[in-house]
Amino acid sequence: MQPIEFSSFRTRRHFIIGMQASLAFAAMATLSGCANYTEVTSDDSGSYSLTATGVSYTMSLPALTTASRDKASAWCAAQDKDMQLRQQARSWKPLQVELTFRCVPHQMGMLEQSSSLSTLK
């Protein structure tokens, strides 16, 4: 293998910057861990299911849980709704998080102050 020859300082500088960026990206991907997600599926009751599986030993269970909740929230946000978590199951072998959730209109479940507080006379 022949060494790389650089014809100018600028070419060498770009090469070094490119290598640094590549190494930084590889380090970030390794440290942040990786996850595989199933397709979001729905059932007859209007609930959705999502399973996230950690594929890197560097990913922790709390990080996988957060990532799966973010994915579910993004799914509902694409429908202009909020995510309401119904059930969560986590396991270590394999490192996996299963969510059951619903997409509800924004601020559903928030009671109006006038209907939730009685007036004392």
N, C-alpha and C. Protein backbone atom coordinates (compact mmCIF):
# COMPACT_ATOMS: atom_id res chain seq x y z
N MET A 1 0.84 -1.18 0.00
CA MET A 1 0.00 0.00 0.00
C MET A 1 0.88 1.23 0.00
N GLN A 2 0.65 2.13 -0.91
CA GLN A 2 1.45 3.34 -1.03
C GLN A 2 0.89 4.44 -0.14
N PRO A 3 1.79 5.27 0.41
CA PRO A 3 1.31 6.38 1.24
C PRO A 3 0.58 7.41 0.39
N ILE A 4 -0.35 8.12 1.02
CA ILE A 4 -1.12 9.15 0.33
C ILE A 4 -0.24 10.39 0.18
N GLU A 5 -0.15 10.91 -1.03
CA GLU A 5 0.62 12.12 -1.27
C GLU A 5 -0.35 13.28 -1.45
N PHE A 6 -0.04 14.38 -0.83
CA PHE A 6 -0.87 15.57 -0.93
C PHE A 6 -0.15 16.61 -1.76
N SER A 7 -0.84 17.16 -2.73
CA SER A 7 -0.22 18.14 -3.62
C SER A 7 -0.24 19.55 -3.04
N SER A 8 -1.11 19.79 -2.10
CA SER A 8 -1.17 21.13 -1.52
C SER A 8 -1.60 21.04 -0.06
N PHE A 9 -1.35 22.12 0.64
CA PHE A 9 -1.75 22.19 2.04
C PHE A 9 -3.26 22.08 2.19
N ARG A 10 -3.98 22.72 1.27
CA ARG A 10 -5.44 22.73 1.34
C ARG A 10 -6.01 21.32 1.22
N THR A 11 -5.49 20.52 0.31
CA THR A 11 -5.96 19.15 0.14
C THR A 11 -5.70 18.34 1.40
N ARG A 12 -4.51 18.52 1.99
CA ARG A 12 -4.18 17.80 3.20
C ARG A 12 -5.09 18.23 4.34
N ARG A 13 -5.35 19.52 4.44
CA ARG A 13 -6.22 20.03 5.49
C ARG A 13 -7.64 19.46 5.36
N HIS A 14 -8.17 19.41 4.15
CA HIS A 14 -9.50 18.83 3.94
C HIS A 14 -9.53 17.35 4.29
N PHE A 15 -8.45 16.66 3.97
CA PHE A 15 -8.37 15.24 4.30
C PHE A 15 -8.41 15.04 5.81
N ILE A 16 -7.65 15.85 6.54
CA ILE A 16 -7.61 15.72 8.00
C ILE A 16 -8.95 16.07 8.62
N ILE A 17 -9.58 17.13 8.13
CA ILE A 17 -10.90 17.52 8.64
C ILE A 17 -11.91 16.42 8.36
N GLY A 18 -11.85 15.83 7.17
CA GLY A 18 -12.75 14.73 6.81
C GLY A 18 -12.55 13.51 7.70
N MET A 19 -11.30 13.20 8.00
CA MET A 19 -11.01 12.06 8.87
C MET A 19 -11.51 12.33 10.29
N GLN A 20 -11.31 13.55 10.78
CA GLN A 20 -11.78 13.89 12.12
C GLN A 20 -13.30 13.80 12.20
N ALA A 21 -13.98 14.27 11.17
CA ALA A 21 -15.44 14.20 11.15
C ALA A 21 -15.90 12.75 11.12
N SER A 22 -15.23 11.92 10.33
CA SER A 22 -15.60 10.50 10.25
C SER A 22 -15.40 9.81 11.59
N LEU A 23 -14.29 10.09 12.24
CA LEU A 23 -14.01 9.48 13.54
C LEU A 23 -15.01 9.96 14.60
N ALA A 24 -15.35 11.24 14.56
CA ALA A 24 -16.32 11.77 15.52
C ALA A 24 -17.68 11.13 15.33
N PHE A 25 -18.09 10.96 14.08
CA PHE A 25 -19.38 10.33 13.79
C PHE A 25 -19.39 8.87 14.26
N ALA A 26 -18.29 8.15 13.99
CA ALA A 26 -18.21 6.75 14.40
C ALA A 26 -18.24 6.62 15.92
N ALA A 27 -17.54 7.53 16.61
CA ALA A 27 -17.54 7.49 18.08
C ALA A 27 -18.93 7.80 18.62
N MET A 28 -19.61 8.78 18.02
CA MET A 28 -20.95 9.14 18.48
C MET A 28 -21.92 7.97 18.29
N ALA A 29 -21.84 7.31 17.15
CA ALA A 29 -22.74 6.18 16.88
C ALA A 29 -22.46 5.03 17.84
N THR A 30 -21.20 4.80 18.17
CA THR A 30 -20.84 3.71 19.07
C THR A 30 -21.30 4.01 20.49
N LEU A 31 -21.07 5.22 20.97
CA LEU A 31 -21.41 5.56 22.34
C LEU A 31 -22.90 5.72 22.57
N SER A 32 -23.62 6.17 21.55
CA SER A 32 -25.05 6.38 21.74
C SER A 32 -25.84 5.08 21.66
N GLY A 33 -25.25 4.05 21.12
CA GLY A 33 -25.95 2.79 20.98
C GLY A 33 -26.87 2.79 19.80
N CYS A 34 -27.36 1.63 19.46
CA CYS A 34 -28.24 1.51 18.30
C CYS A 34 -29.46 0.68 18.70
N ALA A 35 -30.55 0.93 18.01
CA ALA A 35 -31.78 0.19 18.29
C ALA A 35 -32.49 -0.11 16.99
N ASN A 36 -33.15 -1.24 16.96
CA ASN A 36 -34.04 -1.60 15.85
C ASN A 36 -35.46 -1.44 16.34
N TYR A 37 -36.30 -0.93 15.47
CA TYR A 37 -37.71 -0.72 15.82
C TYR A 37 -38.59 -1.54 14.90
N THR A 38 -39.68 -2.07 15.46
CA THR A 38 -40.67 -2.72 14.62
C THR A 38 -41.55 -1.63 14.01
N GLU A 39 -42.32 -1.99 13.02
CA GLU A 39 -43.31 -1.07 12.49
C GLU A 39 -44.38 -0.85 13.55
N VAL A 40 -44.92 0.34 13.60
CA VAL A 40 -46.01 0.60 14.53
C VAL A 40 -47.25 -0.11 14.01
N THR A 41 -47.86 -0.93 14.87
CA THR A 41 -49.06 -1.67 14.46
C THR A 41 -50.23 -1.21 15.32
N SER A 42 -51.42 -1.34 14.78
CA SER A 42 -52.61 -0.93 15.54
C SER A 42 -53.52 -2.13 15.74
N ASP A 43 -54.36 -2.04 16.77
CA ASP A 43 -55.36 -3.08 17.01
C ASP A 43 -56.75 -2.46 16.86
N ASP A 44 -57.77 -3.24 17.12
CA ASP A 44 -59.14 -2.79 16.92
C ASP A 44 -59.59 -1.73 17.94
N SER A 45 -58.89 -1.65 19.07
CA SER A 45 -59.31 -0.70 20.10
C SER A 45 -58.70 0.69 19.92
N GLY A 46 -57.92 0.90 18.88
CA GLY A 46 -57.31 2.21 18.66
C GLY A 46 -55.96 2.37 19.33
N SER A 47 -55.43 1.30 19.88
CA SER A 47 -54.11 1.34 20.49
C SER A 47 -53.05 0.94 19.47
N TYR A 48 -51.84 1.43 19.68
CA TYR A 48 -50.72 1.10 18.81
C TYR A 48 -49.67 0.37 19.61
N SER A 49 -48.84 -0.42 18.93
CA SER A 49 -47.75 -1.15 19.57
C SER A 49 -46.46 -0.87 18.84
N LEU A 50 -45.38 -0.79 19.61
CA LEU A 50 -44.05 -0.55 19.08
C LEU A 50 -43.06 -1.33 19.93
N THR A 51 -42.12 -2.00 19.30
CA THR A 51 -41.08 -2.73 20.02
C THR A 51 -39.73 -2.19 19.57
N ALA A 52 -38.88 -1.85 20.55
CA ALA A 52 -37.52 -1.40 20.29
C ALA A 52 -36.56 -2.42 20.88
N THR A 53 -35.58 -2.83 20.10
CA THR A 53 -34.58 -3.80 20.54
C THR A 53 -33.21 -3.17 20.45
N GLY A 54 -32.46 -3.19 21.54
CA GLY A 54 -31.09 -2.67 21.54
C GLY A 54 -30.17 -3.63 20.83
N VAL A 55 -29.38 -3.14 19.90
CA VAL A 55 -28.47 -4.00 19.15
C VAL A 55 -27.01 -3.68 19.47
N SER A 56 -26.77 -2.79 20.41
CA SER A 56 -25.42 -2.43 20.80
C SER A 56 -25.28 -2.62 22.30
N TYR A 57 -24.17 -3.20 22.71
CA TYR A 57 -23.97 -3.42 24.15
C TYR A 57 -23.77 -2.12 24.91
N THR A 58 -23.55 -1.01 24.18
CA THR A 58 -23.35 0.27 24.85
C THR A 58 -24.66 0.97 25.20
N MET A 59 -25.79 0.47 24.70
CA MET A 59 -27.07 1.12 24.97
C MET A 59 -27.64 0.59 26.28
N SER A 60 -28.09 1.50 27.12
CA SER A 60 -28.68 1.10 28.40
C SER A 60 -30.19 0.94 28.25
N LEU A 61 -30.79 0.28 29.20
CA LEU A 61 -32.24 0.09 29.18
C LEU A 61 -32.98 1.42 29.32
N PRO A 62 -32.55 2.34 30.20
CA PRO A 62 -33.22 3.64 30.25
C PRO A 62 -33.11 4.42 28.92
N ALA A 63 -31.96 4.34 28.26
CA ALA A 63 -31.79 5.03 26.97
C ALA A 63 -32.69 4.42 25.91
N LEU A 64 -32.83 3.09 25.92
CA LEU A 64 -33.71 2.42 24.97
C LEU A 64 -35.17 2.77 25.25
N THR A 65 -35.53 2.87 26.53
CA THR A 65 -36.89 3.26 26.90
C THR A 65 -37.20 4.66 26.40
N THR A 66 -36.28 5.58 26.62
CA THR A 66 -36.47 6.96 26.18
C THR A 66 -36.57 7.04 24.66
N ALA A 67 -35.72 6.30 23.97
CA ALA A 67 -35.74 6.30 22.50
C ALA A 67 -37.06 5.74 21.97
N SER A 68 -37.58 4.69 22.60
CA SER A 68 -38.84 4.11 22.12
C SER A 68 -40.01 5.06 22.40
N ARG A 69 -39.99 5.74 23.53
CA ARG A 69 -41.05 6.72 23.82
C ARG A 69 -40.98 7.89 22.84
N ASP A 70 -39.77 8.32 22.51
CA ASP A 70 -39.61 9.40 21.53
C ASP A 70 -40.15 8.97 20.16
N LYS A 71 -39.90 7.73 19.80
CA LYS A 71 -40.39 7.21 18.51
C LYS A 71 -41.92 7.17 18.51
N ALA A 72 -42.52 6.73 19.61
CA ALA A 72 -43.98 6.69 19.71
C ALA A 72 -44.57 8.10 19.69
N SER A 73 -43.91 9.03 20.39
CA SER A 73 -44.38 10.42 20.39
C SER A 73 -44.30 11.02 18.99
N ALA A 74 -43.24 10.70 18.27
CA ALA A 74 -43.09 11.21 16.90
C ALA A 74 -44.18 10.63 15.99
N TRP A 75 -44.55 9.39 16.22
CA TRP A 75 -45.61 8.75 15.43
C TRP A 75 -46.93 9.51 15.62
N CYS A 76 -47.24 9.83 16.87
CA CYS A 76 -48.48 10.56 17.15
C CYS A 76 -48.38 12.01 16.67
N ALA A 77 -47.22 12.61 16.83
CA ALA A 77 -47.04 14.00 16.39
C ALA A 77 -47.25 14.13 14.89
N ALA A 78 -46.91 13.10 14.14
CA ALA A 78 -47.13 13.12 12.69
C ALA A 78 -48.63 13.16 12.37
N GLN A 79 -49.44 12.71 13.31
CA GLN A 79 -50.90 12.75 13.15
C GLN A 79 -51.49 13.96 13.87
N ASP A 80 -50.63 14.87 14.33
CA ASP A 80 -51.01 16.07 15.07
C ASP A 80 -51.78 15.71 16.35
N LYS A 81 -51.25 14.72 17.07
CA LYS A 81 -51.86 14.27 18.33
C LYS A 81 -50.76 14.05 19.35
N ASP A 82 -51.16 13.85 20.59
CA ASP A 82 -50.23 13.54 21.68
C ASP A 82 -50.23 12.04 21.93
N MET A 83 -49.08 11.54 22.43
CA MET A 83 -48.97 10.13 22.76
C MET A 83 -49.40 9.91 24.20
N GLN A 84 -50.25 8.90 24.40
CA GLN A 84 -50.67 8.51 25.75
C GLN A 84 -50.22 7.07 25.96
N LEU A 85 -49.26 6.87 26.86
CA LEU A 85 -48.72 5.54 27.12
C LEU A 85 -49.74 4.69 27.86
N ARG A 86 -50.00 3.50 27.35
CA ARG A 86 -50.96 2.60 27.98
C ARG A 86 -50.24 1.50 28.76
N GLN A 87 -49.17 0.95 28.19
CA GLN A 87 -48.46 -0.15 28.84
C GLN A 87 -47.02 -0.15 28.35
N GLN A 88 -46.12 -0.52 29.25
CA GLN A 88 -44.70 -0.60 28.90
C GLN A 88 -44.13 -1.88 29.49
N ALA A 89 -43.42 -2.65 28.70
CA ALA A 89 -42.76 -3.86 29.18
C ALA A 89 -41.30 -3.79 28.77
N ARG A 90 -40.41 -4.09 29.73
CA ARG A 90 -38.98 -4.04 29.44
C ARG A 90 -38.34 -5.37 29.80
N SER A 91 -37.31 -5.75 29.03
CA SER A 91 -36.59 -6.98 29.34
C SER A 91 -35.10 -6.78 29.07
N TRP A 92 -34.28 -7.56 29.78
CA TRP A 92 -32.83 -7.45 29.62
C TRP A 92 -32.28 -8.39 28.57
N LYS A 93 -32.85 -9.56 28.42
CA LYS A 93 -32.34 -10.53 27.45
C LYS A 93 -33.49 -10.99 26.57
N PRO A 94 -33.62 -10.49 25.37
CA PRO A 94 -32.79 -9.44 24.78
C PRO A 94 -33.18 -8.08 25.35
N LEU A 95 -32.29 -7.11 25.18
CA LEU A 95 -32.55 -5.75 25.62
C LEU A 95 -33.68 -5.20 24.76
N GLN A 96 -34.87 -5.09 25.36
CA GLN A 96 -36.05 -4.78 24.56
C GLN A 96 -37.08 -3.99 25.37
N VAL A 97 -37.77 -3.09 24.68
CA VAL A 97 -38.86 -2.32 25.28
C VAL A 97 -40.07 -2.44 24.36
N GLU A 98 -41.20 -2.83 24.94
CA GLU A 98 -42.45 -2.91 24.19
C GLU A 98 -43.41 -1.87 24.74
N LEU A 99 -43.94 -1.04 23.86
CA LEU A 99 -44.88 0.00 24.26
C LEU A 99 -46.24 -0.25 23.63
N THR A 100 -47.28 0.01 24.39
CA THR A 100 -48.63 0.08 23.87
C THR A 100 -49.10 1.49 24.19
N PHE A 101 -49.54 2.21 23.17
CA PHE A 101 -49.90 3.60 23.35
C PHE A 101 -51.08 3.98 22.47
N ARG A 102 -51.66 5.14 22.79
CA ARG A 102 -52.74 5.70 21.97
C ARG A 102 -52.33 7.09 21.53
N CYS A 103 -52.87 7.52 20.42
CA CYS A 103 -52.69 8.89 19.97
C CYS A 103 -53.98 9.63 20.27
N VAL A 104 -53.90 10.63 21.12
CA VAL A 104 -55.09 11.36 21.55
C VAL A 104 -54.97 12.82 21.12
N PRO A 105 -56.11 13.49 20.95
CA PRO A 105 -56.06 14.92 20.61
C PRO A 105 -55.27 15.69 21.67
N HIS A 106 -54.66 16.78 21.27
CA HIS A 106 -53.87 17.59 22.19
C HIS A 106 -54.68 17.97 23.43
N GLN A 107 -54.07 17.83 24.59
CA GLN A 107 -54.63 18.19 25.89
C GLN A 107 -55.89 17.41 26.25
N MET A 108 -56.06 16.20 25.71
CA MET A 108 -57.20 15.38 26.11
C MET A 108 -56.98 14.92 27.55
N GLY A 109 -58.00 14.91 28.30
CA GLY A 109 -57.90 14.50 29.68
C GLY A 109 -57.68 15.67 30.62
N MET A 110 -57.43 16.84 30.06
CA MET A 110 -57.28 18.03 30.88
C MET A 110 -58.68 18.57 31.15
N LEU A 111 -59.06 18.59 32.38
CA LEU A 111 -60.39 19.07 32.74
C LEU A 111 -60.40 20.58 32.75
N GLU A 112 -61.48 21.14 32.32
CA GLU A 112 -61.63 22.59 32.42
C GLU A 112 -61.77 22.95 33.89
N GLN A 113 -61.21 24.07 34.26
CA GLN A 113 -61.24 24.48 35.66
C GLN A 113 -62.67 24.65 36.17
N SER A 114 -63.55 25.16 35.33
CA SER A 114 -64.92 25.40 35.78
C SER A 114 -65.68 24.12 36.08
N SER A 115 -65.35 23.06 35.39
CA SER A 115 -66.08 21.81 35.62
C SER A 115 -65.42 20.95 36.69
N SER A 116 -64.14 21.21 36.99
CA SER A 116 -63.47 20.35 37.95
C SER A 116 -63.49 20.90 39.37
N LEU A 117 -63.76 22.18 39.51
CA LEU A 117 -63.82 22.78 40.85
C LEU A 117 -65.25 23.19 41.15
N SER A 118 -65.69 22.79 42.32
CA SER A 118 -67.05 23.23 42.71
C SER A 118 -66.94 24.57 43.40
N THR A 119 -67.97 25.33 43.28
CA THR A 119 -68.02 26.65 43.89
C THR A 119 -68.62 26.52 45.29
N LEU A 120 -67.92 27.08 46.26
CA LEU A 120 -68.43 27.06 47.63
C LEU A 120 -69.28 28.30 47.86
N LYS A 121 -70.45 28.11 48.41
CA LYS A 121 -71.35 29.24 48.70
C LYS A 121 -71.61 29.31 50.17
